[in-house]
Amino acid sequence: MSDTRNASAAAHETGKRQARIKTFARRESRITPAQQKALAELLGLYQIPWTNKKIDISEVFPKAKKFAVEIGFGDGSALLEQAMRNTETAYLGIEVFRPGVGKCLIQLQRNNITNVRISTADARDVISEQISSASVHEFIMLFPDPWPKMRHRKRRLVNPEFIALCVDRLVPGGTITIVTDSVDYAQQVIDVLEDNDGLESLAHHLASSERRAPTRYEKKAIAAGHSVFEMQYAKSVHQPVLNC
């Protein structure tokens, strides 16, 4: 009976995830042979596989003093530069774009970077099921899909429920950094973060590469004359842990 119940619960959870509104689209350009080879040969070395069990950060990164999560790392250029700048911080990069993951894997091996792991699952599932409360020092979201059409805005990743989940996973004083070149999305981000009682604003400003590594998309946006906005908030040191 227990096996039947477990199977039923798993099927229900899978169905729930499948029915949920997607916050990303798999806009996959043609994958190169090198990227395909990296996915086949290297992903197993760097990947944290999807399970419904919490990640033991001390086991995966025994020397790390901090833990950061980048959601939607693209081709991994900013993620890897940050990891090389901050070798005592462990980074989990989450990305569903397979060519980008393949490119990131190539650079991980080429530069012998040991403080980065990758997940190719939905970020909402990873954070909800695999990351413990009060364990993350920073969430980083660089240019999340703005879904500019009005009918698609419900697909935006940044919403009150998702931010509440991230806040619970942050250590007291931990930060959420979100960068976008969409004025409309920037305002929505500010509204959502301001409405969360567990967060305190650190800065709203035009982005600066002095604080972090610029992404490939960011460089293109700036070259096209777009303004790039960076929002950073910290978890209040008085915020309780929900253990969800």
C-alpha atoms as a PDB file:
ATOM      1  CA  MET A   1       0.000   0.000   0.000  1.00  0.00           C
ATOM      2  CA  SER A   2       2.787   2.420   0.877  1.00  0.00           C
ATOM      3  CA  ASP A   3       4.387   1.955  -2.559  1.00  0.00           C
ATOM      4  CA  THR A   4       1.043   2.681  -4.195  1.00  0.00           C
ATOM      5  CA  ARG A   5       0.553   5.820  -2.129  1.00  0.00           C
ATOM      6  CA  ASN A   6       4.100   6.985  -2.852  1.00  0.00           C
ATOM      7  CA  ALA A   7       3.656   6.417  -6.576  1.00  0.00           C
ATOM      8  CA  SER A   8       0.364   8.272  -6.509  1.00  0.00           C
ATOM      9  CA  ALA A   9       1.909  11.202  -4.627  1.00  0.00           C
ATOM     10  CA  ALA A  10       4.846  11.343  -7.053  1.00  0.00           C
ATOM     11  CA  ALA A  11       2.479  11.304 -10.019  1.00  0.00           C
ATOM     12  CA  HIS A  12       0.418  14.073  -8.447  1.00  0.00           C
ATOM     13  CA  GLU A  13       3.513  16.213  -7.826  1.00  0.00           C
ATOM     14  CA  THR A  14       4.765  15.608 -11.375  1.00  0.00           C
ATOM     15  CA  GLY A  15       1.368  16.542 -12.769  1.00  0.00           C
ATOM     16  CA  LYS A  16       1.304  19.666 -10.636  1.00  0.00           C
ATOM     17  CA  ARG A  17       4.689  20.769 -11.983  1.00  0.00           C
ATOM     18  CA  GLN A  18       3.668  20.027 -15.558  1.00  0.00           C
ATOM     19  CA  ALA A  19       0.421  22.015 -15.199  1.00  0.00           C
ATOM     20  CA  ARG A  20       2.179  25.021 -13.698  1.00  0.00           C
ATOM     21  CA  ILE A  21       2.683  28.145 -15.825  1.00  0.00           C
ATOM     22  CA  LYS A  22       6.146  28.044 -17.399  1.00  0.00           C
ATOM     23  CA  THR A  23       8.463  30.965 -16.737  1.00  0.00           C
ATOM     24  CA  PHE A  24      10.886  30.071 -19.528  1.00  0.00           C
ATOM     25  CA  ALA A  25      10.816  29.030 -23.154  1.00  0.00           C
ATOM     26  CA  ARG A  26      13.340  26.632 -24.642  1.00  0.00           C
ATOM     27  CA  ARG A  27      14.592  28.944 -27.417  1.00  0.00           C
ATOM     28  CA  GLU A  28      17.398  26.607 -28.429  1.00  0.00           C
ATOM     29  CA  SER A  29      19.629  27.717 -31.230  1.00  0.00           C
ATOM     30  CA  ARG A  30      21.592  25.056 -33.059  1.00  0.00           C
ATOM     31  CA  ILE A  31      23.816  23.271 -30.592  1.00  0.00           C
ATOM     32  CA  THR A  32      27.438  22.836 -31.654  1.00  0.00           C
ATOM     33  CA  PRO A  33      29.192  19.459 -31.687  1.00  0.00           C
ATOM     34  CA  ALA A  34      31.513  20.674 -28.915  1.00  0.00           C
ATOM     35  CA  GLN A  35      28.555  21.661 -26.719  1.00  0.00           C
ATOM     36  CA  GLN A  36      26.827  18.349 -27.423  1.00  0.00           C
ATOM     37  CA  LYS A  37      30.016  16.494 -26.493  1.00  0.00           C
ATOM     38  CA  ALA A  38      30.320  18.505 -23.268  1.00  0.00           C
ATOM     39  CA  LEU A  39      26.739  17.670 -22.285  1.00  0.00           C
ATOM     40  CA  ALA A  40      27.375  13.986 -22.929  1.00  0.00           C
ATOM     41  CA  GLU A  41      30.755  13.764 -21.212  1.00  0.00           C
ATOM     42  CA  LEU A  42      30.909  16.545 -18.603  1.00  0.00           C
ATOM     43  CA  LEU A  43      27.392  17.178 -17.311  1.00  0.00           C
ATOM     44  CA  GLY A  44      27.571  14.161 -15.023  1.00  0.00           C
ATOM     45  CA  LEU A  45      30.728  15.573 -13.409  1.00  0.00           C
ATOM     46  CA  TYR A  46      29.274  19.007 -12.629  1.00  0.00           C
ATOM     47  CA  GLN A  47      25.550  18.428 -12.362  1.00  0.00           C
ATOM     48  CA  ILE A  48      23.487  18.291  -9.202  1.00  0.00           C
ATOM     49  CA  PRO A  49      20.747  15.929 -10.397  1.00  0.00           C
ATOM     50  CA  TRP A  50      17.102  16.639  -9.731  1.00  0.00           C
ATOM     51  CA  THR A  51      15.752  14.848  -6.637  1.00  0.00           C
ATOM     52  CA  ASN A  52      13.271  15.846  -3.944  1.00  0.00           C
ATOM     53  CA  LYS A  53      15.987  15.684  -1.290  1.00  0.00           C
ATOM     54  CA  LYS A  54      17.888  18.635   0.140  1.00  0.00           C
ATOM     55  CA  ILE A  55      21.414  19.295  -1.113  1.00  0.00           C
ATOM     56  CA  ASP A  56      24.100  18.885   1.536  1.00  0.00           C
ATOM     57  CA  ILE A  57      26.202  21.933   0.717  1.00  0.00           C
ATOM     58  CA  SER A  58      29.046  20.904   3.053  1.00  0.00           C
ATOM     59  CA  GLU A  59      29.288  17.577   1.243  1.00  0.00           C
ATOM     60  CA  VAL A  60      29.213  18.995  -2.291  1.00  0.00           C
ATOM     61  CA  PHE A  61      31.437  21.988  -1.455  1.00  0.00           C
ATOM     62  CA  PRO A  62      33.432  21.052   1.677  1.00  0.00           C
ATOM     63  CA  LYS A  63      35.678  24.155   1.528  1.00  0.00           C
ATOM     64  CA  ALA A  64      33.003  26.745   0.774  1.00  0.00           C
ATOM     65  CA  LYS A  65      32.266  29.554   3.213  1.00  0.00           C
ATOM     66  CA  LYS A  66      29.265  30.920   1.282  1.00  0.00           C
ATOM     67  CA  PHE A  67      26.630  29.523  -1.089  1.00  0.00           C
ATOM     68  CA  ALA A  68      25.175  31.467  -4.024  1.00  0.00           C
ATOM     69  CA  VAL A  69      22.544  30.475  -6.576  1.00  0.00           C
ATOM     70  CA  GLU A  70      22.339  31.997 -10.062  1.00  0.00           C
ATOM     71  CA  ILE A  71      19.029  31.411 -11.813  1.00  0.00           C
ATOM     72  CA  GLY A  72      19.190  31.386 -15.614  1.00  0.00           C
ATOM     73  CA  PHE A  73      22.932  31.710 -16.203  1.00  0.00           C
ATOM     74  CA  GLY A  74      22.736  31.750 -20.021  1.00  0.00           C
ATOM     75  CA  ASP A  75      26.119  30.749 -21.411  1.00  0.00           C
ATOM     76  CA  GLY A  76      27.687  30.883 -17.943  1.00  0.00           C
ATOM     77  CA  SER A  77      30.158  33.697 -18.662  1.00  0.00           C
ATOM     78  CA  ALA A  78      29.129  35.865 -15.697  1.00  0.00           C
ATOM     79  CA  LEU A  79      28.698  32.847 -13.423  1.00  0.00           C
ATOM     80  CA  LEU A  80      32.192  31.545 -14.120  1.00  0.00           C
ATOM     81  CA  GLU A  81      33.826  34.946 -13.763  1.00  0.00           C
ATOM     82  CA  GLN A  82      32.135  35.415 -10.388  1.00  0.00           C
ATOM     83  CA  ALA A  83      33.244  31.952  -9.314  1.00  0.00           C
ATOM     84  CA  MET A  84      36.848  32.702 -10.247  1.00  0.00           C
ATOM     85  CA  ARG A  85      36.694  36.017  -8.388  1.00  0.00           C
ATOM     86  CA  ASN A  86      35.203  34.415  -5.261  1.00  0.00           C
ATOM     87  CA  THR A  87      36.832  31.040  -4.815  1.00  0.00           C
ATOM     88  CA  GLU A  88      35.510  30.547  -1.267  1.00  0.00           C
ATOM     89  CA  THR A  89      31.903  30.852  -2.463  1.00  0.00           C
ATOM     90  CA  ALA A  90      30.108  27.803  -3.847  1.00  0.00           C
ATOM     91  CA  TYR A  91      27.881  28.539  -6.858  1.00  0.00           C
ATOM     92  CA  LEU A  92      24.895  26.583  -8.099  1.00  0.00           C
ATOM     93  CA  GLY A  93      23.936  27.681 -11.599  1.00  0.00           C
ATOM     94  CA  ILE A  94      20.452  26.791 -12.840  1.00  0.00           C
ATOM     95  CA  GLU A  95      19.781  26.823 -16.584  1.00  0.00           C
ATOM     96  CA  VAL A  96      17.515  24.922 -19.020  1.00  0.00           C
ATOM     97  CA  PHE A  97      19.138  26.249 -22.233  1.00  0.00           C
ATOM     98  CA  ARG A  98      21.202  23.261 -23.381  1.00  0.00           C
ATOM     99  CA  PRO A  99      23.649  25.086 -25.708  1.00  0.00           C
ATOM    100  CA  GLY A 100      24.417  27.506 -22.865  1.00  0.00           C
ATOM    101  CA  VAL A 101      24.930  24.644 -20.419  1.00  0.00           C
ATOM    102  CA  GLY A 102      27.246  22.943 -22.891  1.00  0.00           C
ATOM    103  CA  LYS A 103      29.315  26.103 -23.335  1.00  0.00           C
ATOM    104  CA  CYS A 104      29.514  26.583 -19.574  1.00  0.00           C
ATOM    105  CA  LEU A 105      30.686  23.000 -19.081  1.00  0.00           C
ATOM    106  CA  ILE A 106      33.497  23.483 -21.599  1.00  0.00           C
ATOM    107  CA  GLN A 107      34.752  26.535 -19.714  1.00  0.00           C
ATOM    108  CA  LEU A 108      34.405  24.845 -16.318  1.00  0.00           C
ATOM    109  CA  GLN A 109      36.756  22.089 -17.444  1.00  0.00           C
ATOM    110  CA  ARG A 110      39.100  24.364 -19.412  1.00  0.00           C
ATOM    111  CA  ASN A 111      39.606  26.704 -16.434  1.00  0.00           C
ATOM    112  CA  ASN A 112      39.586  23.938 -13.798  1.00  0.00           C
ATOM    113  CA  ILE A 113      36.831  25.686 -11.820  1.00  0.00           C
ATOM    114  CA  THR A 114      35.841  23.587  -8.813  1.00  0.00           C
ATOM    115  CA  ASN A 115      33.350  25.812  -6.969  1.00  0.00           C
ATOM    116  CA  VAL A 116      30.487  25.596  -9.492  1.00  0.00           C
ATOM    117  CA  ARG A 117      27.761  22.988  -9.942  1.00  0.00           C
ATOM    118  CA  ILE A 118      24.907  23.015 -12.451  1.00  0.00           C
ATOM    119  CA  SER A 119      21.225  22.115 -12.388  1.00  0.00           C
ATOM    120  CA  THR A 120      19.113  21.829 -15.534  1.00  0.00           C
ATOM    121  CA  ALA A 121      15.789  21.533 -13.668  1.00  0.00           C
ATOM    122  CA  ASP A 122      13.121  24.201 -13.179  1.00  0.00           C
ATOM    123  CA  ALA A 123      14.513  26.729 -10.690  1.00  0.00           C
ATOM    124  CA  ARG A 124      11.271  26.753  -8.719  1.00  0.00           C
ATOM    125  CA  ASP A 125      11.535  23.011  -8.098  1.00  0.00           C
ATOM    126  CA  VAL A 126      15.233  23.180  -7.238  1.00  0.00           C
ATOM    127  CA  ILE A 127      14.739  25.955  -4.685  1.00  0.00           C
ATOM    128  CA  SER A 128      11.582  24.450  -3.231  1.00  0.00           C
ATOM    129  CA  GLU A 129      12.741  20.837  -2.945  1.00  0.00           C
ATOM    130  CA  GLN A 130      16.540  20.796  -2.958  1.00  0.00           C
ATOM    131  CA  ILE A 131      17.623  23.890  -1.052  1.00  0.00           C
ATOM    132  CA  SER A 132      17.233  24.177   2.717  1.00  0.00           C
ATOM    133  CA  SER A 133      15.889  27.171   4.614  1.00  0.00           C
ATOM    134  CA  ALA A 134      18.496  29.733   5.670  1.00  0.00           C
ATOM    135  CA  SER A 135      21.313  28.230   3.552  1.00  0.00           C
ATOM    136  CA  VAL A 136      21.829  30.654   0.623  1.00  0.00           C
ATOM    137  CA  HIS A 137      23.911  33.826   0.880  1.00  0.00           C
ATOM    138  CA  GLU A 138      22.839  35.259  -2.477  1.00  0.00           C
ATOM    139  CA  PHE A 139      20.287  34.657  -5.209  1.00  0.00           C
ATOM    140  CA  ILE A 140      21.333  36.142  -8.547  1.00  0.00           C
ATOM    141  CA  MET A 141      18.910  36.669 -11.456  1.00  0.00           C
ATOM    142  CA  LEU A 142      20.556  38.402 -14.395  1.00  0.00           C
ATOM    143  CA  PHE A 143      18.131  39.360 -17.131  1.00  0.00           C
ATOM    144  CA  PRO A 144      15.266  36.957 -16.426  1.00  0.00           C
ATOM    145  CA  ASP A 145      12.928  36.616 -19.404  1.00  0.00           C
ATOM    146  CA  PRO A 146      10.832  39.838 -19.363  1.00  0.00           C
ATOM    147  CA  TRP A 147       7.893  38.316 -21.280  1.00  0.00           C
ATOM    148  CA  PRO A 148       7.061  41.809 -22.622  1.00  0.00           C
ATOM    149  CA  LYS A 149       3.635  41.042 -24.100  1.00  0.00           C
ATOM    150  CA  MET A 150       0.827  41.784 -21.650  1.00  0.00           C
ATOM    151  CA  ARG A 151      -0.770  38.364 -22.081  1.00  0.00           C
ATOM    152  CA  HIS A 152       2.525  36.672 -21.198  1.00  0.00           C
ATOM    153  CA  ARG A 153       3.407  38.634 -18.061  1.00  0.00           C
ATOM    154  CA  LYS A 154       1.957  35.928 -15.840  1.00  0.00           C
ATOM    155  CA  ARG A 155       4.986  33.863 -16.934  1.00  0.00           C
ATOM    156  CA  ARG A 156       7.500  36.185 -15.300  1.00  0.00           C
ATOM    157  CA  LEU A 157       9.634  34.419 -12.725  1.00  0.00           C
ATOM    158  CA  VAL A 158       9.599  37.261 -10.192  1.00  0.00           C
ATOM    159  CA  ASN A 159       6.295  37.130  -8.342  1.00  0.00           C
ATOM    160  CA  PRO A 160       5.351  37.297  -4.651  1.00  0.00           C
ATOM    161  CA  GLU A 161       5.247  33.518  -4.156  1.00  0.00           C
ATOM    162  CA  PHE A 162       8.648  32.886  -5.720  1.00  0.00           C
ATOM    163  CA  ILE A 163      10.318  35.726  -3.855  1.00  0.00           C
ATOM    164  CA  ALA A 164       8.811  34.518  -0.548  1.00  0.00           C
ATOM    165  CA  LEU A 165      10.385  31.112  -1.224  1.00  0.00           C
ATOM    166  CA  CYS A 166      13.766  32.690  -1.974  1.00  0.00           C
ATOM    167  CA  VAL A 167      13.601  34.805   1.194  1.00  0.00           C
ATOM    168  CA  ASP A 168      13.039  31.695   3.287  1.00  0.00           C
ATOM    169  CA  ARG A 169      16.110  30.054   1.715  1.00  0.00           C
ATOM    170  CA  LEU A 170      18.338  33.062   2.415  1.00  0.00           C
ATOM    171  CA  VAL A 171      20.490  33.332   5.506  1.00  0.00           C
ATOM    172  CA  PRO A 172      19.770  36.468   7.581  1.00  0.00           C
ATOM    173  CA  GLY A 173      21.481  39.302   5.733  1.00  0.00           C
ATOM    174  CA  GLY A 174      21.600  37.266   2.514  1.00  0.00           C
ATOM    175  CA  THR A 175      20.790  39.111  -0.699  1.00  0.00           C
ATOM    176  CA  ILE A 176      18.678  38.916  -3.831  1.00  0.00           C
ATOM    177  CA  THR A 177      20.198  40.636  -6.866  1.00  0.00           C
ATOM    178  CA  ILE A 178      18.059  41.079  -9.983  1.00  0.00           C
ATOM    179  CA  VAL A 179      19.183  42.847 -13.153  1.00  0.00           C
ATOM    180  CA  THR A 180      17.051  43.713 -16.189  1.00  0.00           C
ATOM    181  CA  ASP A 181      16.987  46.111 -19.115  1.00  0.00           C
ATOM    182  CA  SER A 182      13.162  46.131 -19.130  1.00  0.00           C
ATOM    183  CA  VAL A 183      11.850  49.271 -17.418  1.00  0.00           C
ATOM    184  CA  ASP A 184       8.456  47.651 -16.888  1.00  0.00           C
ATOM    185  CA  TYR A 185       9.949  44.489 -15.385  1.00  0.00           C
ATOM    186  CA  ALA A 186      12.265  46.545 -13.161  1.00  0.00           C
ATOM    187  CA  GLN A 187       9.245  48.321 -11.698  1.00  0.00           C
ATOM    188  CA  GLN A 188       7.462  45.005 -11.131  1.00  0.00           C
ATOM    189  CA  VAL A 189      10.544  43.606  -9.401  1.00  0.00           C
ATOM    190  CA  ILE A 190      10.737  46.628  -7.115  1.00  0.00           C
ATOM    191  CA  ASP A 191       7.022  46.374  -6.302  1.00  0.00           C
ATOM    192  CA  VAL A 192       7.286  42.664  -5.435  1.00  0.00           C
ATOM    193  CA  LEU A 193      10.435  43.034  -3.336  1.00  0.00           C
ATOM    194  CA  GLU A 194       9.151  46.110  -1.529  1.00  0.00           C
ATOM    195  CA  ASP A 195       5.959  44.243  -0.598  1.00  0.00           C
ATOM    196  CA  ASN A 196       7.906  41.431   1.089  1.00  0.00           C
ATOM    197  CA  ASP A 197       8.233  42.272   4.784  1.00  0.00           C
ATOM    198  CA  GLY A 198      11.308  40.082   5.098  1.00  0.00           C
ATOM    199  CA  LEU A 199      13.417  42.184   2.736  1.00  0.00           C
ATOM    200  CA  GLU A 200      15.221  45.495   3.058  1.00  0.00           C
ATOM    201  CA  SER A 201      16.323  47.519   0.045  1.00  0.00           C
ATOM    202  CA  LEU A 202      20.047  47.967  -0.481  1.00  0.00           C
ATOM    203  CA  ALA A 203      20.047  49.729  -3.840  1.00  0.00           C
ATOM    204  CA  HIS A 204      18.159  50.514  -7.036  1.00  0.00           C
ATOM    205  CA  HIS A 205      20.601  51.820  -9.596  1.00  0.00           C
ATOM    206  CA  LEU A 206      21.980  51.513 -13.051  1.00  0.00           C
ATOM    207  CA  ALA A 207      24.018  48.344 -13.169  1.00  0.00           C
ATOM    208  CA  SER A 208      27.784  48.449 -12.773  1.00  0.00           C
ATOM    209  CA  SER A 209      30.229  45.746 -13.825  1.00  0.00           C
ATOM    210  CA  GLU A 210      32.458  46.787 -10.925  1.00  0.00           C
ATOM    211  CA  ARG A 211      30.142  44.879  -8.551  1.00  0.00           C
ATOM    212  CA  ARG A 212      29.768  41.768 -10.711  1.00  0.00           C
ATOM    213  CA  ALA A 213      30.671  40.291 -14.049  1.00  0.00           C
ATOM    214  CA  PRO A 214      28.507  41.565 -16.964  1.00  0.00           C
ATOM    215  CA  THR A 215      26.657  38.973 -19.006  1.00  0.00           C
ATOM    216  CA  ARG A 216      26.871  38.592 -22.770  1.00  0.00           C
ATOM    217  CA  TYR A 217      23.272  39.802 -23.022  1.00  0.00           C
ATOM    218  CA  GLU A 218      24.059  42.827 -20.857  1.00  0.00           C
ATOM    219  CA  LYS A 219      26.908  43.882 -23.128  1.00  0.00           C
ATOM    220  CA  LYS A 220      24.571  43.696 -26.124  1.00  0.00           C
ATOM    221  CA  ALA A 221      21.866  45.675 -24.290  1.00  0.00           C
ATOM    222  CA  ILE A 222      24.307  48.449 -23.392  1.00  0.00           C
ATOM    223  CA  ALA A 223      25.702  48.527 -26.936  1.00  0.00           C
ATOM    224  CA  ALA A 224      22.116  48.950 -28.170  1.00  0.00           C
ATOM    225  CA  GLY A 225      21.657  51.938 -25.863  1.00  0.00           C
ATOM    226  CA  HIS A 226      19.390  50.251 -23.318  1.00  0.00           C
ATOM    227  CA  SER A 227      19.453  51.252 -19.660  1.00  0.00           C
ATOM    228  CA  VAL A 228      20.271  48.341 -17.350  1.00  0.00           C
ATOM    229  CA  PHE A 229      18.716  48.355 -13.885  1.00  0.00           C
ATOM    230  CA  GLU A 230      19.998  46.478 -10.848  1.00  0.00           C
ATOM    231  CA  MET A 231      17.877  45.847  -7.748  1.00  0.00           C
ATOM    232  CA  GLN A 232      19.413  44.412  -4.592  1.00  0.00           C
ATOM    233  CA  TYR A 233      17.615  43.527  -1.367  1.00  0.00           C
ATOM    234  CA  ALA A 234      18.773  41.814   1.816  1.00  0.00           C
ATOM    235  CA  LYS A 235      16.905  39.490   4.123  1.00  0.00           C
ATOM    236  CA  SER A 236      16.175  41.126   7.459  1.00  0.00           C
ATOM    237  CA  VAL A 237      18.204  39.659  10.298  1.00  0.00           C
ATOM    238  CA  HIS A 238      14.940  39.429  12.243  1.00  0.00           C
ATOM    239  CA  GLN A 239      13.127  37.368   9.613  1.00  0.00           C
ATOM    240  CA  PRO A 240      12.004  33.945  10.985  1.00  0.00           C
ATOM    241  CA  VAL A 241      12.823  30.658   9.225  1.00  0.00           C
ATOM    242  CA  LEU A 242       9.654  28.947   7.969  1.00  0.00           C
ATOM    243  CA  ASN A 243      11.127  25.445   7.423  1.00  0.00           C
ATOM    244  CA  CYS A 244       9.021  24.901   4.298  1.00  0.00           C
END
